Amino acid sequence: LFVRTCNFWNRMRIKDFVKCNLNNLFYREYRLRRKVRRHLLPYYKEAFPVGKNTNKTIVFMADGRKSHGGLADRLRGIVSTYEYCLNHRVDFRIHFTSPFNLEDLLLPNEYDWRIGAGEISYNPTFSTPVYIDSNSRYPEADCRFQRKMAEKYLGRDFRQIHIYTNMYYADDRFGLLFNKLFKPAPILQSWIDENLQILGQNFIALSFRFQNLLGDSVDGKIVYSPEEQRELINSCICQIELLRKTNPDSKKILVTADSGSFLKEVSKLDFVYLLPGKVGHMDSTSQQDIQVHMKTFLDFFVLSHAKKIYLLITGKMYKSGFAKRAAKLNNIPFEEVEF
């Protein structure tokens, strides 16, 4: 039995090595270049005007020309790109126009990252696109790969480099770098202040990410049966009750989730506070639903003021990075609870 167990784990280690390290060494970079050729380079033509910037500029792109992921994916890509620019003394800009203009909700704080659409050049002699993805299953190897790709492709000799990415190798400095870049727009800040006044200072926060398990989201392909949905909701409510008992000093518990039906159920608990607004996902909500996007940012900023944030996961629930990065914003405790 001991020998069989050792053989099993050896096979698993070899399998992981092949999937992670060998993939990073040989195939993954080729796949990234192929995505650039197929999906991004067709937008670049020599007939287009060159840019006017004299200094090399790296532009984080969220323009709808590919899937960009949710808010956490975008923000971690922005922060990691900004760190690269700081370390290499390169100008940094953000072109975030899909599905809304970032400047409608976030404004520059200590660094002006704004760039006008007319300032971006799609002439391939002046500019080039770069795509760097992530694989959260192997974070250490993934960060090494991301750094390697950033050094190789962001160091190229173009006046503008347009990067599409959700890389996260600067996560350890996420809060510091985010706060240098951003502050909430006045309309968002007033909404944050209003809800923090109701919550007070002594609250904990619980975050749930179901994707489409409860059948009320377009984000996710797996849908539980009605019986499984009821069981999942009940299990989550039991965890909320348990965390209330382990945090007796917190009069209110903030609950955020990507499921309207779940939030409707937990709203029946008198000690639970829900933030107002309609739930949505950034990559599947139109520009017209700006209130949905503002709700996402409201969740993010109010979570960051909690005494502690818990991410609760069970079954096929998604291990989201949203709450984790909200915790990094103000360096508050964060804990994953698997049940």
C-alpha atoms as a PDB file:
ATOM      1  CA  LEU A   1       0.000   0.000   0.000  1.00  0.00           C
ATOM      2  CA  PHE A   2       2.829   2.395   0.873  1.00  0.00           C
ATOM      3  CA  VAL A   3       4.531   1.744  -2.470  1.00  0.00           C
ATOM      4  CA  ARG A   4       1.288   2.234  -4.393  1.00  0.00           C
ATOM      5  CA  THR A   5       0.646   5.507  -2.537  1.00  0.00           C
ATOM      6  CA  CYS A   6       4.149   6.767  -3.325  1.00  0.00           C
ATOM      7  CA  ASN A   7       3.755   5.807  -6.962  1.00  0.00           C
ATOM      8  CA  PHE A   8       0.430   7.657  -7.106  1.00  0.00           C
ATOM      9  CA  TRP A   9       1.890  10.886  -5.728  1.00  0.00           C
ATOM     10  CA  ASN A  10       4.936  10.587  -7.986  1.00  0.00           C
ATOM     11  CA  ARG A  11       2.627  10.313 -10.979  1.00  0.00           C
ATOM     12  CA  MET A  12       0.681  13.354  -9.766  1.00  0.00           C
ATOM     13  CA  ARG A  13       3.888  15.373  -9.384  1.00  0.00           C
ATOM     14  CA  ILE A  14       5.024  14.406 -12.860  1.00  0.00           C
ATOM     15  CA  LYS A  15       1.599  15.291 -14.257  1.00  0.00           C
ATOM     16  CA  ASP A  16       1.668  18.687 -12.550  1.00  0.00           C
ATOM     17  CA  PHE A  17       5.213  19.300 -13.788  1.00  0.00           C
ATOM     18  CA  VAL A  18       4.177  18.531 -17.349  1.00  0.00           C
ATOM     19  CA  LYS A  19       1.034  20.673 -17.135  1.00  0.00           C
ATOM     20  CA  CYS A  20       2.747  23.600 -15.465  1.00  0.00           C
ATOM     21  CA  ASN A  21       6.492  23.861 -16.056  1.00  0.00           C
ATOM     22  CA  LEU A  22       6.815  22.188 -19.450  1.00  0.00           C
ATOM     23  CA  ASN A  23       3.735  24.049 -20.664  1.00  0.00           C
ATOM     24  CA  ASN A  24       5.265  27.344 -19.536  1.00  0.00           C
ATOM     25  CA  LEU A  25       8.598  26.507 -21.140  1.00  0.00           C
ATOM     26  CA  PHE A  26       7.388  25.406 -24.543  1.00  0.00           C
ATOM     27  CA  TYR A  27       3.731  25.789 -25.452  1.00  0.00           C
ATOM     28  CA  ARG A  28       2.250  28.608 -23.438  1.00  0.00           C
ATOM     29  CA  GLU A  29       4.276  31.435 -24.937  1.00  0.00           C
ATOM     30  CA  TYR A  30       3.456  30.165 -28.436  1.00  0.00           C
ATOM     31  CA  ARG A  31      -0.242  30.156 -27.534  1.00  0.00           C
ATOM     32  CA  LEU A  32      -0.063  33.752 -26.289  1.00  0.00           C
ATOM     33  CA  ARG A  33       1.639  34.891 -29.514  1.00  0.00           C
ATOM     34  CA  ARG A  34      -0.983  33.024 -31.549  1.00  0.00           C
ATOM     35  CA  LYS A  35      -3.799  34.853 -29.742  1.00  0.00           C
ATOM     36  CA  VAL A  36      -2.136  38.163 -30.517  1.00  0.00           C
ATOM     37  CA  ARG A  37      -1.813  37.258 -34.213  1.00  0.00           C
ATOM     38  CA  ARG A  38      -5.393  36.050 -34.503  1.00  0.00           C
ATOM     39  CA  HIS A  39      -7.326  38.469 -32.320  1.00  0.00           C
ATOM     40  CA  LEU A  40      -5.318  41.671 -31.899  1.00  0.00           C
ATOM     41  CA  LEU A  41      -2.882  42.275 -34.767  1.00  0.00           C
ATOM     42  CA  PRO A  42      -5.684  42.511 -37.391  1.00  0.00           C
ATOM     43  CA  TYR A  43      -6.611  45.877 -35.819  1.00  0.00           C
ATOM     44  CA  TYR A  44      -3.141  47.300 -36.616  1.00  0.00           C
ATOM     45  CA  LYS A  45      -2.519  48.783 -40.108  1.00  0.00           C
ATOM     46  CA  GLU A  46       0.372  50.820 -41.505  1.00  0.00           C
ATOM     47  CA  ALA A  47      -2.174  53.191 -43.026  1.00  0.00           C
ATOM     48  CA  PHE A  48      -3.197  54.304 -39.521  1.00  0.00           C
ATOM     49  CA  PRO A  49      -1.524  57.405 -38.027  1.00  0.00           C
ATOM     50  CA  VAL A  50       1.410  57.086 -35.668  1.00  0.00           C
ATOM     51  CA  GLY A  51       1.132  58.362 -32.128  1.00  0.00           C
ATOM     52  CA  LYS A  52       2.426  61.692 -30.849  1.00  0.00           C
ATOM     53  CA  ASN A  53       4.041  60.492 -27.617  1.00  0.00           C
ATOM     54  CA  THR A  54       7.824  60.841 -27.604  1.00  0.00           C
ATOM     55  CA  ASN A  55       8.396  58.710 -24.495  1.00  0.00           C
ATOM     56  CA  LYS A  56       7.746  54.992 -24.550  1.00  0.00           C
ATOM     57  CA  THR A  57       4.290  54.331 -23.122  1.00  0.00           C
ATOM     58  CA  ILE A  58       2.678  51.084 -21.982  1.00  0.00           C
ATOM     59  CA  VAL A  59      -1.120  51.100 -22.142  1.00  0.00           C
ATOM     60  CA  PHE A  60      -3.314  48.631 -20.262  1.00  0.00           C
ATOM     61  CA  MET A  61      -6.175  47.781 -22.629  1.00  0.00           C
ATOM     62  CA  ALA A  62      -9.757  46.880 -21.783  1.00  0.00           C
ATOM     63  CA  ASP A  63     -11.448  47.850 -25.031  1.00  0.00           C
ATOM     64  CA  GLY A  64     -13.683  44.842 -25.688  1.00  0.00           C
ATOM     65  CA  ARG A  65     -11.487  43.299 -28.374  1.00  0.00           C
ATOM     66  CA  LYS A  66     -11.138  40.196 -26.223  1.00  0.00           C
ATOM     67  CA  SER A  67     -12.615  38.877 -23.000  1.00  0.00           C
ATOM     68  CA  HIS A  68     -11.094  40.811 -20.103  1.00  0.00           C
ATOM     69  CA  GLY A  69     -12.629  38.985 -17.140  1.00  0.00           C
ATOM     70  CA  GLY A  70     -14.268  40.495 -14.083  1.00  0.00           C
ATOM     71  CA  LEU A  71     -13.172  43.423 -11.961  1.00  0.00           C
ATOM     72  CA  ALA A  72     -10.553  41.496  -9.974  1.00  0.00           C
ATOM     73  CA  ASP A  73      -8.941  40.170 -13.171  1.00  0.00           C
ATOM     74  CA  ARG A  74      -8.718  43.639 -14.649  1.00  0.00           C
ATOM     75  CA  LEU A  75      -7.437  45.347 -11.522  1.00  0.00           C
ATOM     76  CA  ARG A  76      -4.689  42.817 -10.873  1.00  0.00           C
ATOM     77  CA  GLY A  77      -3.550  43.182 -14.493  1.00  0.00           C
ATOM     78  CA  ILE A  78      -3.522  46.967 -14.160  1.00  0.00           C
ATOM     79  CA  VAL A  79      -1.529  46.883 -10.929  1.00  0.00           C
ATOM     80  CA  SER A  80       1.056  44.382 -12.205  1.00  0.00           C
ATOM     81  CA  THR A  81       1.569  46.404 -15.393  1.00  0.00           C
ATOM     82  CA  TYR A  82       1.918  49.599 -13.363  1.00  0.00           C
ATOM     83  CA  GLU A  83       4.584  47.977 -11.183  1.00  0.00           C
ATOM     84  CA  TYR A  84       6.535  47.002 -14.294  1.00  0.00           C
ATOM     85  CA  CYS A  85       6.359  50.594 -15.536  1.00  0.00           C
ATOM     86  CA  LEU A  86       7.509  51.976 -12.191  1.00  0.00           C
ATOM     87  CA  ASN A  87      10.465  49.594 -12.059  1.00  0.00           C
ATOM     88  CA  HIS A  88      11.482  50.354 -15.650  1.00  0.00           C
ATOM     89  CA  ARG A  89      10.646  54.090 -15.599  1.00  0.00           C
ATOM     90  CA  VAL A  90       8.169  53.810 -18.432  1.00  0.00           C
ATOM     91  CA  ASP A  91       5.045  55.944 -18.838  1.00  0.00           C
ATOM     92  CA  PHE A  92       1.853  54.053 -17.930  1.00  0.00           C
ATOM     93  CA  ARG A  93      -1.666  54.636 -19.191  1.00  0.00           C
ATOM     94  CA  ILE A  94      -5.048  52.874 -18.985  1.00  0.00           C
ATOM     95  CA  HIS A  95      -7.473  52.573 -21.900  1.00  0.00           C
ATOM     96  CA  PHE A  96     -10.509  51.034 -20.152  1.00  0.00           C
ATOM     97  CA  THR A  97     -13.602  51.627 -22.292  1.00  0.00           C
ATOM     98  CA  SER A  98     -15.476  48.312 -22.235  1.00  0.00           C
ATOM     99  CA  PRO A  99     -18.187  47.924 -21.134  1.00  0.00           C
ATOM    100  CA  PHE A 100     -17.936  51.440 -19.643  1.00  0.00           C
ATOM    101  CA  ASN A 101     -15.360  54.194 -19.263  1.00  0.00           C
ATOM    102  CA  LEU A 102     -13.295  53.619 -16.139  1.00  0.00           C
ATOM    103  CA  GLU A 103     -13.121  57.375 -15.510  1.00  0.00           C
ATOM    104  CA  ASP A 104     -16.875  57.369 -14.856  1.00  0.00           C
ATOM    105  CA  LEU A 105     -16.198  55.487 -11.599  1.00  0.00           C
ATOM    106  CA  LEU A 106     -12.482  55.797 -10.786  1.00  0.00           C
ATOM    107  CA  LEU A 107     -10.257  58.856 -11.052  1.00  0.00           C
ATOM    108  CA  PRO A 108      -6.461  59.245 -10.969  1.00  0.00           C
ATOM    109  CA  ASN A 109      -5.085  59.669  -7.459  1.00  0.00           C
ATOM    110  CA  GLU A 110      -1.299  60.159  -7.298  1.00  0.00           C
ATOM    111  CA  TYR A 111      -0.569  59.161 -10.902  1.00  0.00           C
ATOM    112  CA  ASP A 112      -2.403  60.382 -14.007  1.00  0.00           C
ATOM    113  CA  TRP A 113      -3.028  57.242 -16.088  1.00  0.00           C
ATOM    114  CA  ARG A 114      -5.549  58.776 -18.496  1.00  0.00           C
ATOM    115  CA  ILE A 115      -5.130  58.614 -22.267  1.00  0.00           C
ATOM    116  CA  GLY A 116      -7.494  59.867 -24.945  1.00  0.00           C
ATOM    117  CA  ALA A 117      -8.741  57.515 -27.653  1.00  0.00           C
ATOM    118  CA  GLY A 118      -7.137  59.795 -30.246  1.00  0.00           C
ATOM    119  CA  GLU A 119      -3.744  59.417 -28.556  1.00  0.00           C
ATOM    120  CA  ILE A 120      -3.642  55.657 -29.151  1.00  0.00           C
ATOM    121  CA  SER A 121      -1.915  54.559 -32.330  1.00  0.00           C
ATOM    122  CA  TYR A 122      -2.702  51.329 -34.175  1.00  0.00           C
ATOM    123  CA  ASN A 123       0.165  51.714 -36.630  1.00  0.00           C
ATOM    124  CA  PRO A 124       2.334  48.552 -36.308  1.00  0.00           C
ATOM    125  CA  THR A 125       5.550  50.518 -36.880  1.00  0.00           C
ATOM    126  CA  PHE A 126       4.766  52.594 -33.793  1.00  0.00           C
ATOM    127  CA  SER A 127       2.715  50.265 -31.548  1.00  0.00           C
ATOM    128  CA  THR A 128       2.314  46.576 -30.797  1.00  0.00           C
ATOM    129  CA  PRO A 129      -0.182  44.498 -28.783  1.00  0.00           C
ATOM    130  CA  VAL A 130       0.859  42.071 -26.030  1.00  0.00           C
ATOM    131  CA  TYR A 131      -1.242  39.401 -24.338  1.00  0.00           C
ATOM    132  CA  ILE A 132      -0.256  37.757 -21.017  1.00  0.00           C
ATOM    133  CA  ASP A 133      -2.711  35.449 -19.275  1.00  0.00           C
ATOM    134  CA  SER A 134      -2.684  33.691 -15.895  1.00  0.00           C
ATOM    135  CA  ASN A 135      -3.141  30.230 -14.415  1.00  0.00           C
ATOM    136  CA  SER A 136      -4.096  30.424 -10.752  1.00  0.00           C
ATOM    137  CA  ARG A 137      -3.678  26.669 -10.205  1.00  0.00           C
ATOM    138  CA  TYR A 138       0.109  27.043 -10.093  1.00  0.00           C
ATOM    139  CA  PRO A 139       0.644  30.547  -8.676  1.00  0.00           C
ATOM    140  CA  GLU A 140       4.395  30.447  -8.003  1.00  0.00           C
ATOM    141  CA  ALA A 141       5.302  29.087 -11.429  1.00  0.00           C
ATOM    142  CA  ASP A 142       2.692  31.357 -12.986  1.00  0.00           C
ATOM    143  CA  CYS A 143       4.182  34.505 -11.449  1.00  0.00           C
ATOM    144  CA  ARG A 144       7.631  33.509 -12.711  1.00  0.00           C
ATOM    145  CA  PHE A 145       6.197  33.014 -16.187  1.00  0.00           C
ATOM    146  CA  GLN A 146       4.347  36.336 -16.092  1.00  0.00           C
ATOM    147  CA  ARG A 147       7.467  38.229 -15.025  1.00  0.00           C
ATOM    148  CA  LYS A 148       9.444  36.552 -17.796  1.00  0.00           C
ATOM    149  CA  MET A 149       6.828  37.473 -20.411  1.00  0.00           C
ATOM    150  CA  ALA A 150       6.594  41.037 -19.104  1.00  0.00           C
ATOM    151  CA  GLU A 151      10.354  41.515 -19.289  1.00  0.00           C
ATOM    152  CA  LYS A 152      10.478  40.055 -22.796  1.00  0.00           C
ATOM    153  CA  TYR A 153       7.477  41.679 -24.461  1.00  0.00           C
ATOM    154  CA  LEU A 154       7.047  44.942 -22.551  1.00  0.00           C
ATOM    155  CA  GLY A 155      10.733  45.659 -23.093  1.00  0.00           C
ATOM    156  CA  ARG A 156      10.360  45.732 -26.881  1.00  0.00           C
ATOM    157  CA  ASP A 157      11.359  48.829 -28.845  1.00  0.00           C
ATOM    158  CA  PHE A 158       7.975  50.415 -29.623  1.00  0.00           C
ATOM    159  CA  ARG A 159       6.702  53.866 -28.620  1.00  0.00           C
ATOM    160  CA  GLN A 160       3.404  52.328 -27.497  1.00  0.00           C
ATOM    161  CA  ILE A 161       2.845  48.827 -26.166  1.00  0.00           C
ATOM    162  CA  HIS A 162      -0.786  47.819 -25.655  1.00  0.00           C
ATOM    163  CA  ILE A 163      -1.118  45.062 -23.067  1.00  0.00           C
ATOM    164  CA  TYR A 164      -4.123  42.816 -22.522  1.00  0.00           C
ATOM    165  CA  THR A 165      -3.561  40.946 -19.286  1.00  0.00           C
ATOM    166  CA  ASN A 166      -4.837  39.684 -15.938  1.00  0.00           C
ATOM    167  CA  MET A 167      -1.378  38.849 -14.574  1.00  0.00           C
ATOM    168  CA  TYR A 168      -1.040  39.074 -10.803  1.00  0.00           C
ATOM    169  CA  TYR A 169       2.669  38.929  -9.995  1.00  0.00           C
ATOM    170  CA  ALA A 170       2.445  42.265  -8.131  1.00  0.00           C
ATOM    171  CA  ASP A 171      -0.267  41.026  -5.754  1.00  0.00           C
ATOM    172  CA  ASP A 172       1.928  41.536  -2.687  1.00  0.00           C
ATOM    173  CA  ARG A 173       1.850  45.299  -3.396  1.00  0.00           C
ATOM    174  CA  PHE A 174      -1.705  45.442  -4.706  1.00  0.00           C
ATOM    175  CA  GLY A 175      -3.131  47.827  -2.098  1.00  0.00           C
ATOM    176  CA  LEU A 176      -0.225  50.287  -2.240  1.00  0.00           C
ATOM    177  CA  LEU A 177      -0.174  50.449  -6.041  1.00  0.00           C
ATOM    178  CA  PHE A 178      -3.967  50.545  -6.406  1.00  0.00           C
ATOM    179  CA  ASN A 179      -4.226  53.501  -4.027  1.00  0.00           C
ATOM    180  CA  LYS A 180      -1.519  55.366  -5.945  1.00  0.00           C
ATOM    181  CA  LEU A 181      -3.519  54.934  -9.123  1.00  0.00           C
ATOM    182  CA  PHE A 182      -7.141  55.337  -8.084  1.00  0.00           C
ATOM    183  CA  LYS A 183      -9.700  57.115  -5.994  1.00  0.00           C
ATOM    184  CA  PRO A 184     -13.491  56.738  -6.343  1.00  0.00           C
ATOM    185  CA  ALA A 185     -15.322  59.276  -8.481  1.00  0.00           C
ATOM    186  CA  PRO A 186     -17.530  61.616  -6.376  1.00  0.00           C
ATOM    187  CA  ILE A 187     -20.776  59.812  -7.244  1.00  0.00           C
ATOM    188  CA  LEU A 188     -19.275  56.465  -6.199  1.00  0.00           C
ATOM    189  CA  GLN A 189     -17.605  57.916  -3.091  1.00  0.00           C
ATOM    190  CA  SER A 190     -20.897  59.324  -1.838  1.00  0.00           C
ATOM    191  CA  TRP A 191     -22.525  55.900  -2.246  1.00  0.00           C
ATOM    192  CA  ILE A 192     -19.652  54.257  -0.356  1.00  0.00           C
ATOM    193  CA  ASP A 193     -19.880  56.800   2.479  1.00  0.00           C
ATOM    194  CA  GLU A 194     -23.634  56.392   2.753  1.00  0.00           C
ATOM    195  CA  ASN A 195     -23.403  52.630   3.232  1.00  0.00           C
ATOM    196  CA  LEU A 196     -20.409  52.779   5.579  1.00  0.00           C
ATOM    197  CA  GLN A 197     -22.348  55.161   7.795  1.00  0.00           C
ATOM    198  CA  ILE A 198     -25.119  52.565   8.100  1.00  0.00           C
ATOM    199  CA  LEU A 199     -22.697  49.681   8.671  1.00  0.00           C
ATOM    200  CA  GLY A 200     -20.519  51.436  11.225  1.00  0.00           C
ATOM    201  CA  GLN A 201     -16.911  50.462  11.869  1.00  0.00           C
ATOM    202  CA  ASN A 202     -17.253  47.098  13.579  1.00  0.00           C
ATOM    203  CA  PHE A 203     -18.508  44.743  10.876  1.00  0.00           C
ATOM    204  CA  ILE A 204     -17.219  41.615   9.203  1.00  0.00           C
ATOM    205  CA  ALA A 205     -17.825  40.759   5.558  1.00  0.00           C
ATOM    206  CA  LEU A 206     -18.652  37.464   3.854  1.00  0.00           C
ATOM    207  CA  SER A 207     -18.195  36.961   0.129  1.00  0.00           C
ATOM    208  CA  PHE A 208     -19.811  34.205  -1.970  1.00  0.00           C
ATOM    209  CA  ARG A 209     -19.222  33.451  -5.648  1.00  0.00           C
ATOM    210  CA  PHE A 210     -21.678  30.959  -7.153  1.00  0.00           C
ATOM    211  CA  GLN A 211     -21.283  31.783 -10.845  1.00  0.00           C
ATOM    212  CA  ASN A 212     -24.365  30.073 -12.340  1.00  0.00           C
ATOM    213  CA  LEU A 213     -24.861  27.273  -9.779  1.00  0.00           C
ATOM    214  CA  LEU A 214     -28.114  28.892  -8.631  1.00  0.00           C
ATOM    215  CA  GLY A 215     -29.296  29.460 -12.187  1.00  0.00           C
ATOM    216  CA  ASP A 216     -29.389  33.260 -12.092  1.00  0.00           C
ATOM    217  CA  SER A 217     -26.146  34.276 -13.817  1.00  0.00           C
ATOM    218  CA  VAL A 218     -24.608  34.077 -17.281  1.00  0.00           C
ATOM    219  CA  ASP A 219     -21.165  33.604 -15.719  1.00  0.00           C
ATOM    220  CA  GLY A 220     -20.683  29.835 -15.521  1.00  0.00           C
ATOM    221  CA  LYS A 221     -22.016  26.762 -17.326  1.00  0.00           C
ATOM    222  CA  ILE A 222     -22.843  24.460 -14.388  1.00  0.00           C
ATOM    223  CA  VAL A 223     -26.348  24.801 -12.923  1.00  0.00           C
ATOM    224  CA  TYR A 224     -27.401  22.840  -9.844  1.00  0.00           C
ATOM    225  CA  SER A 225     -30.769  21.095  -9.684  1.00  0.00           C
ATOM    226  CA  PRO A 226     -33.465  22.806  -7.542  1.00  0.00           C
ATOM    227  CA  GLU A 227     -32.755  20.345  -4.711  1.00  0.00           C
ATOM    228  CA  GLU A 228     -28.997  20.993  -4.907  1.00  0.00           C
ATOM    229  CA  GLN A 229     -29.605  24.745  -4.988  1.00  0.00           C
ATOM    230  CA  ARG A 230     -31.712  24.613  -1.834  1.00  0.00           C
ATOM    231  CA  GLU A 231     -29.099  22.472  -0.084  1.00  0.00           C
ATOM    232  CA  LEU A 232     -26.318  24.852  -1.126  1.00  0.00           C
ATOM    233  CA  ILE A 233     -28.192  27.941   0.074  1.00  0.00           C
ATOM    234  CA  ASN A 234     -28.974  26.286   3.422  1.00  0.00           C
ATOM    235  CA  SER A 235     -25.338  25.255   3.872  1.00  0.00           C
ATOM    236  CA  CYS A 236     -24.179  28.795   3.200  1.00  0.00           C
ATOM    237  CA  ILE A 237     -26.707  30.247   5.650  1.00  0.00           C
ATOM    238  CA  CYS A 238     -25.456  27.810   8.297  1.00  0.00           C
ATOM    239  CA  GLN A 239     -21.933  29.162   7.751  1.00  0.00           C
ATOM    240  CA  ILE A 240     -23.186  32.726   8.106  1.00  0.00           C
ATOM    241  CA  GLU A 241     -24.773  31.794  11.432  1.00  0.00           C
ATOM    242  CA  LEU A 242     -21.571  30.087  12.554  1.00  0.00           C
ATOM    243  CA  LEU A 243     -19.371  33.065  11.686  1.00  0.00           C
ATOM    244  CA  ARG A 244     -21.778  35.328  13.538  1.00  0.00           C
ATOM    245  CA  LYS A 245     -21.199  33.262  16.689  1.00  0.00           C
ATOM    246  CA  THR A 246     -17.410  33.370  16.244  1.00  0.00           C
ATOM    247  CA  ASN A 247     -17.527  37.162  15.802  1.00  0.00           C
ATOM    248  CA  PRO A 248     -19.906  38.247  18.605  1.00  0.00           C
ATOM    249  CA  ASP A 249     -18.564  41.830  18.651  1.00  0.00           C
ATOM    250  CA  SER A 250     -19.765  42.496  15.111  1.00  0.00           C
ATOM    251  CA  LYS A 251     -23.360  43.707  15.187  1.00  0.00           C
ATOM    252  CA  LYS A 252     -23.715  43.534  11.421  1.00  0.00           C
ATOM    253  CA  ILE A 253     -22.425  41.145   8.795  1.00  0.00           C
ATOM    254  CA  LEU A 254     -21.983  42.429   5.268  1.00  0.00           C
ATOM    255  CA  VAL A 255     -22.767  39.749   2.684  1.00  0.00           C
ATOM    256  CA  THR A 256     -21.798  40.122  -0.983  1.00  0.00           C
ATOM    257  CA  ALA A 257     -22.536  37.584  -3.692  1.00  0.00           C
ATOM    258  CA  ASP A 258     -23.006  37.230  -7.441  1.00  0.00           C
ATOM    259  CA  SER A 259     -26.459  35.648  -7.026  1.00  0.00           C
ATOM    260  CA  GLY A 260     -29.614  37.705  -6.592  1.00  0.00           C
ATOM    261  CA  SER A 261     -31.610  34.704  -5.423  1.00  0.00           C
ATOM    262  CA  PHE A 262     -29.075  33.962  -2.678  1.00  0.00           C
ATOM    263  CA  LEU A 263     -29.042  37.581  -1.530  1.00  0.00           C
ATOM    264  CA  LYS A 264     -32.833  37.517  -1.379  1.00  0.00           C
ATOM    265  CA  GLU A 265     -32.679  34.520   0.971  1.00  0.00           C
ATOM    266  CA  VAL A 266     -30.033  35.946   3.304  1.00  0.00           C
ATOM    267  CA  SER A 267     -31.848  39.289   3.467  1.00  0.00           C
ATOM    268  CA  LYS A 268     -34.279  37.527   5.813  1.00  0.00           C
ATOM    269  CA  LEU A 269     -31.540  37.463   8.495  1.00  0.00           C
ATOM    270  CA  ASP A 270     -31.868  40.623  10.543  1.00  0.00           C
ATOM    271  CA  PHE A 271     -28.137  40.881  11.293  1.00  0.00           C
ATOM    272  CA  VAL A 272     -27.129  40.699   7.596  1.00  0.00           C
ATOM    273  CA  TYR A 273     -26.544  43.890   5.622  1.00  0.00           C
ATOM    274  CA  LEU A 274     -26.783  43.891   1.833  1.00  0.00           C
ATOM    275  CA  LEU A 275     -25.482  46.668  -0.361  1.00  0.00           C
ATOM    276  CA  PRO A 276     -28.053  48.149  -2.738  1.00  0.00           C
ATOM    277  CA  GLY A 277     -27.994  47.663  -6.492  1.00  0.00           C
ATOM    278  CA  LYS A 278     -28.370  44.999  -9.153  1.00  0.00           C
ATOM    279  CA  VAL A 279     -25.835  42.158  -9.363  1.00  0.00           C
ATOM    280  CA  GLY A 280     -23.950  41.723 -12.644  1.00  0.00           C
ATOM    281  CA  HIS A 281     -20.647  40.612 -14.171  1.00  0.00           C
ATOM    282  CA  MET A 282     -18.341  43.049 -15.944  1.00  0.00           C
ATOM    283  CA  ASP A 283     -17.696  40.872 -18.995  1.00  0.00           C
ATOM    284  CA  SER A 284     -21.383  40.178 -19.631  1.00  0.00           C
ATOM    285  CA  THR A 285     -23.102  43.486 -18.827  1.00  0.00           C
ATOM    286  CA  SER A 286     -23.616  46.273 -21.339  1.00  0.00           C
ATOM    287  CA  GLN A 287     -22.368  49.834 -21.096  1.00  0.00           C
ATOM    288  CA  GLN A 288     -25.904  51.045 -20.523  1.00  0.00           C
ATOM    289  CA  ASP A 289     -26.044  49.273 -17.147  1.00  0.00           C
ATOM    290  CA  ILE A 290     -23.606  51.681 -15.471  1.00  0.00           C
ATOM    291  CA  GLN A 291     -25.450  51.250 -12.158  1.00  0.00           C
ATOM    292  CA  VAL A 292     -24.588  47.533 -12.237  1.00  0.00           C
ATOM    293  CA  HIS A 293     -20.908  48.337 -12.679  1.00  0.00           C
ATOM    294  CA  MET A 294     -21.071  50.956  -9.935  1.00  0.00           C
ATOM    295  CA  LYS A 295     -22.583  48.296  -7.646  1.00  0.00           C
ATOM    296  CA  THR A 296     -19.548  46.066  -8.321  1.00  0.00           C
ATOM    297  CA  PHE A 297     -17.195  48.876  -7.269  1.00  0.00           C
ATOM    298  CA  LEU A 298     -19.404  49.647  -4.265  1.00  0.00           C
ATOM    299  CA  ASP A 299     -19.049  46.033  -3.109  1.00  0.00           C
ATOM    300  CA  PHE A 300     -15.288  46.216  -3.627  1.00  0.00           C
ATOM    301  CA  PHE A 301     -14.688  49.407  -1.652  1.00  0.00           C
ATOM    302  CA  VAL A 302     -17.110  48.696   1.198  1.00  0.00           C
ATOM    303  CA  LEU A 303     -15.624  45.205   1.634  1.00  0.00           C
ATOM    304  CA  SER A 304     -12.233  46.867   2.090  1.00  0.00           C
ATOM    305  CA  HIS A 305     -13.499  48.647   5.237  1.00  0.00           C
ATOM    306  CA  ALA A 306     -14.571  45.474   7.043  1.00  0.00           C
ATOM    307  CA  LYS A 307     -12.852  44.280  10.199  1.00  0.00           C
ATOM    308  CA  LYS A 308     -12.209  40.997   8.384  1.00  0.00           C
ATOM    309  CA  ILE A 309     -13.290  39.436   5.087  1.00  0.00           C
ATOM    310  CA  TYR A 310     -14.200  35.779   4.643  1.00  0.00           C
ATOM    311  CA  LEU A 311     -14.484  34.042   1.274  1.00  0.00           C
ATOM    312  CA  LEU A 312     -16.769  31.021   1.624  1.00  0.00           C
ATOM    313  CA  ILE A 313     -16.423  28.093  -0.779  1.00  0.00           C
ATOM    314  CA  THR A 314     -18.088  24.697  -1.051  1.00  0.00           C
ATOM    315  CA  GLY A 315     -18.877  22.250  -3.835  1.00  0.00           C
ATOM    316  CA  LYS A 316     -18.397  23.824  -7.257  1.00  0.00           C
ATOM    317  CA  MET A 317     -18.429  27.407  -6.007  1.00  0.00           C
ATOM    318  CA  TYR A 318     -15.770  29.635  -7.566  1.00  0.00           C
ATOM    319  CA  LYS A 319     -12.633  30.674  -5.676  1.00  0.00           C
ATOM    320  CA  SER A 320     -12.864  34.319  -6.642  1.00  0.00           C
ATOM    321  CA  GLY A 321     -10.050  36.826  -6.149  1.00  0.00           C
ATOM    322  CA  PHE A 322     -12.481  39.725  -5.707  1.00  0.00           C
ATOM    323  CA  ALA A 323     -12.718  39.682  -1.905  1.00  0.00           C
ATOM    324  CA  LYS A 324      -9.017  38.884  -1.491  1.00  0.00           C
ATOM    325  CA  ARG A 325      -8.011  42.003  -3.386  1.00  0.00           C
ATOM    326  CA  ALA A 326     -10.571  44.098  -1.545  1.00  0.00           C
ATOM    327  CA  ALA A 327      -8.817  43.009   1.667  1.00  0.00           C
ATOM    328  CA  LYS A 328      -5.452  44.057   0.225  1.00  0.00           C
ATOM    329  CA  LEU A 329      -6.797  47.549  -0.412  1.00  0.00           C
ATOM    330  CA  ASN A 330      -6.597  48.486   3.286  1.00  0.00           C
ATOM    331  CA  ASN A 331      -4.492  45.534   4.458  1.00  0.00           C
ATOM    332  CA  ILE A 332      -7.257  43.892   6.498  1.00  0.00           C
ATOM    333  CA  PRO A 333      -7.410  40.194   7.502  1.00  0.00           C
ATOM    334  CA  PHE A 334      -8.707  37.765   4.897  1.00  0.00           C
ATOM    335  CA  GLU A 335      -9.629  34.113   5.309  1.00  0.00           C
ATOM    336  CA  GLU A 336     -10.896  31.427   2.952  1.00  0.00           C
ATOM    337  CA  VAL A 337     -13.459  29.110   4.553  1.00  0.00           C
ATOM    338  CA  GLU A 338     -14.034  25.799   2.797  1.00  0.00           C
ATOM    339  CA  PHE A 339     -16.959  23.796   4.150  1.00  0.00           C
END
